Amino acid sequence: MKPLATLLLGLAAAASALSWAQAQTPDAEGEVTKVDAAAGRVTLRHTGVKNLDMPPMTMAFRVGEPRLLQGVAAGDHVRFAARKVGGSYTVVALVKTP
């Protein structure tokens, strides 16, 4: 019975890691209009964000990790992933695009 429990725990951990990785995959595009690193916010003019049922618009997002804003400036084009975290729309992944 113990090997089965170990296998099930391993499978649960793998599924959790996969869903976390999928949650961090950039799935929307936008242009940075403002970066407020001190407040941990970025304003994006973005395409629709499917997972949030959000149409294209310009809005400010919290960032989950301050490091996401390093090297990002107004005018940069980005791909990003956003999620609702603690009631706030939060960017959890951000990648500059050419």
Protein backbone atom coordinates (compact mmCIF):
# COMPACT_ATOMS: atom_id res chain seq x y z
CA MET A 1 0.00 0.00 0.00
CA LYS A 2 2.83 2.41 0.76
CA PRO A 3 4.26 2.36 -2.82
CA LEU A 4 0.80 3.20 -4.15
CA ALA A 5 0.48 6.18 -1.80
CA THR A 6 3.93 7.37 -2.86
CA LEU A 7 2.97 7.05 -6.53
CA LEU A 8 -0.28 8.96 -6.01
CA LEU A 9 1.49 11.76 -4.16
CA GLY A 10 4.06 11.96 -6.96
CA LEU A 11 1.33 12.17 -9.59
CA ALA A 12 -0.49 14.86 -7.63
CA ALA A 13 2.72 16.88 -7.33
CA ALA A 14 3.40 16.54 -11.07
CA ALA A 15 -0.14 17.67 -11.94
CA SER A 16 0.18 20.64 -9.61
CA ALA A 17 3.52 21.64 -11.14
CA LEU A 18 2.06 21.37 -14.64
CA SER A 19 -0.95 23.55 -13.81
CA TRP A 20 1.38 26.11 -12.17
CA ALA A 21 3.57 26.16 -15.29
CA GLN A 22 0.51 26.61 -17.51
CA ALA A 23 -0.65 29.48 -15.31
CA GLN A 24 2.70 31.22 -15.85
CA THR A 25 2.72 30.88 -19.67
CA PRO A 26 2.28 34.24 -21.42
CA ASP A 27 -0.99 34.09 -23.34
CA ALA A 28 -1.82 37.74 -24.06
CA GLU A 29 -0.02 40.57 -25.84
CA GLY A 30 0.26 44.23 -25.08
CA GLU A 31 2.25 47.43 -24.99
CA VAL A 32 3.62 48.86 -21.78
CA THR A 33 2.32 52.39 -21.23
CA LYS A 34 3.65 52.90 -17.69
CA VAL A 35 5.89 51.14 -15.18
CA ASP A 36 5.62 51.94 -11.46
CA ALA A 37 8.24 49.67 -9.92
CA ALA A 38 7.89 51.27 -6.48
CA ALA A 39 4.20 50.35 -6.38
CA GLY A 40 4.70 47.01 -8.13
CA ARG A 41 2.39 47.94 -11.01
CA VAL A 42 2.51 48.00 -14.79
CA THR A 43 -0.02 49.59 -17.12
CA LEU A 44 -0.65 47.68 -20.35
CA ARG A 45 -2.63 48.42 -23.50
CA HIS A 46 -3.46 44.79 -24.22
CA THR A 47 -5.34 42.35 -26.40
CA GLY A 48 -8.13 40.35 -24.81
CA VAL A 49 -7.14 38.14 -21.89
CA LYS A 50 -9.16 34.94 -22.42
CA ASN A 51 -8.75 33.34 -19.02
CA LEU A 52 -10.08 36.51 -17.34
CA ASP A 53 -12.85 37.10 -19.93
CA MET A 54 -11.31 40.55 -20.39
CA PRO A 55 -11.69 42.48 -23.66
CA PRO A 56 -8.87 44.57 -25.14
CA MET A 57 -8.24 47.69 -23.04
CA THR A 58 -5.62 49.71 -21.19
CA MET A 59 -5.32 49.03 -17.48
CA ALA A 60 -2.91 48.84 -14.58
CA PHE A 61 -2.01 45.43 -13.17
CA ARG A 62 -0.20 44.42 -10.01
CA VAL A 63 2.90 42.32 -10.67
CA GLY A 64 3.40 39.10 -8.78
CA GLU A 65 7.19 39.44 -8.70
CA PRO A 66 9.08 42.78 -8.79
CA ARG A 67 11.74 41.17 -11.01
CA LEU A 68 9.16 41.02 -13.84
CA LEU A 69 9.54 44.79 -14.27
CA GLN A 70 13.34 44.74 -14.65
CA GLY A 71 14.30 46.00 -18.09
CA VAL A 72 10.72 46.89 -19.03
CA ALA A 73 9.81 50.45 -20.04
CA ALA A 74 6.93 52.37 -21.58
CA GLY A 75 6.69 51.58 -25.28
CA ASP A 76 7.92 47.98 -24.95
CA HIS A 77 5.81 45.27 -26.56
CA VAL A 78 5.25 42.27 -24.31
CA ARG A 79 3.58 38.91 -23.94
CA PHE A 80 2.13 38.33 -20.50
CA ALA A 81 0.01 36.10 -18.32
CA ALA A 82 -2.43 37.61 -15.84
CA ARG A 83 -4.46 35.96 -13.13
CA LYS A 84 -6.82 37.14 -10.43
CA VAL A 85 -4.81 36.85 -7.20
CA GLY A 86 -6.32 37.92 -3.89
CA GLY A 87 -9.03 39.85 -5.73
CA SER A 88 -6.56 41.83 -7.89
CA TYR A 89 -5.62 41.35 -11.51
CA THR A 90 -1.96 40.37 -11.36
CA VAL A 91 0.68 39.84 -14.03
CA VAL A 92 2.42 36.54 -13.22
CA ALA A 93 4.62 36.35 -16.34
CA LEU A 94 5.97 39.12 -18.58
CA VAL A 95 8.29 38.78 -21.57
CA LYS A 96 9.45 41.55 -23.94
CA THR A 97 8.91 40.84 -27.63
CA PRO A 98 10.76 42.28 -30.60
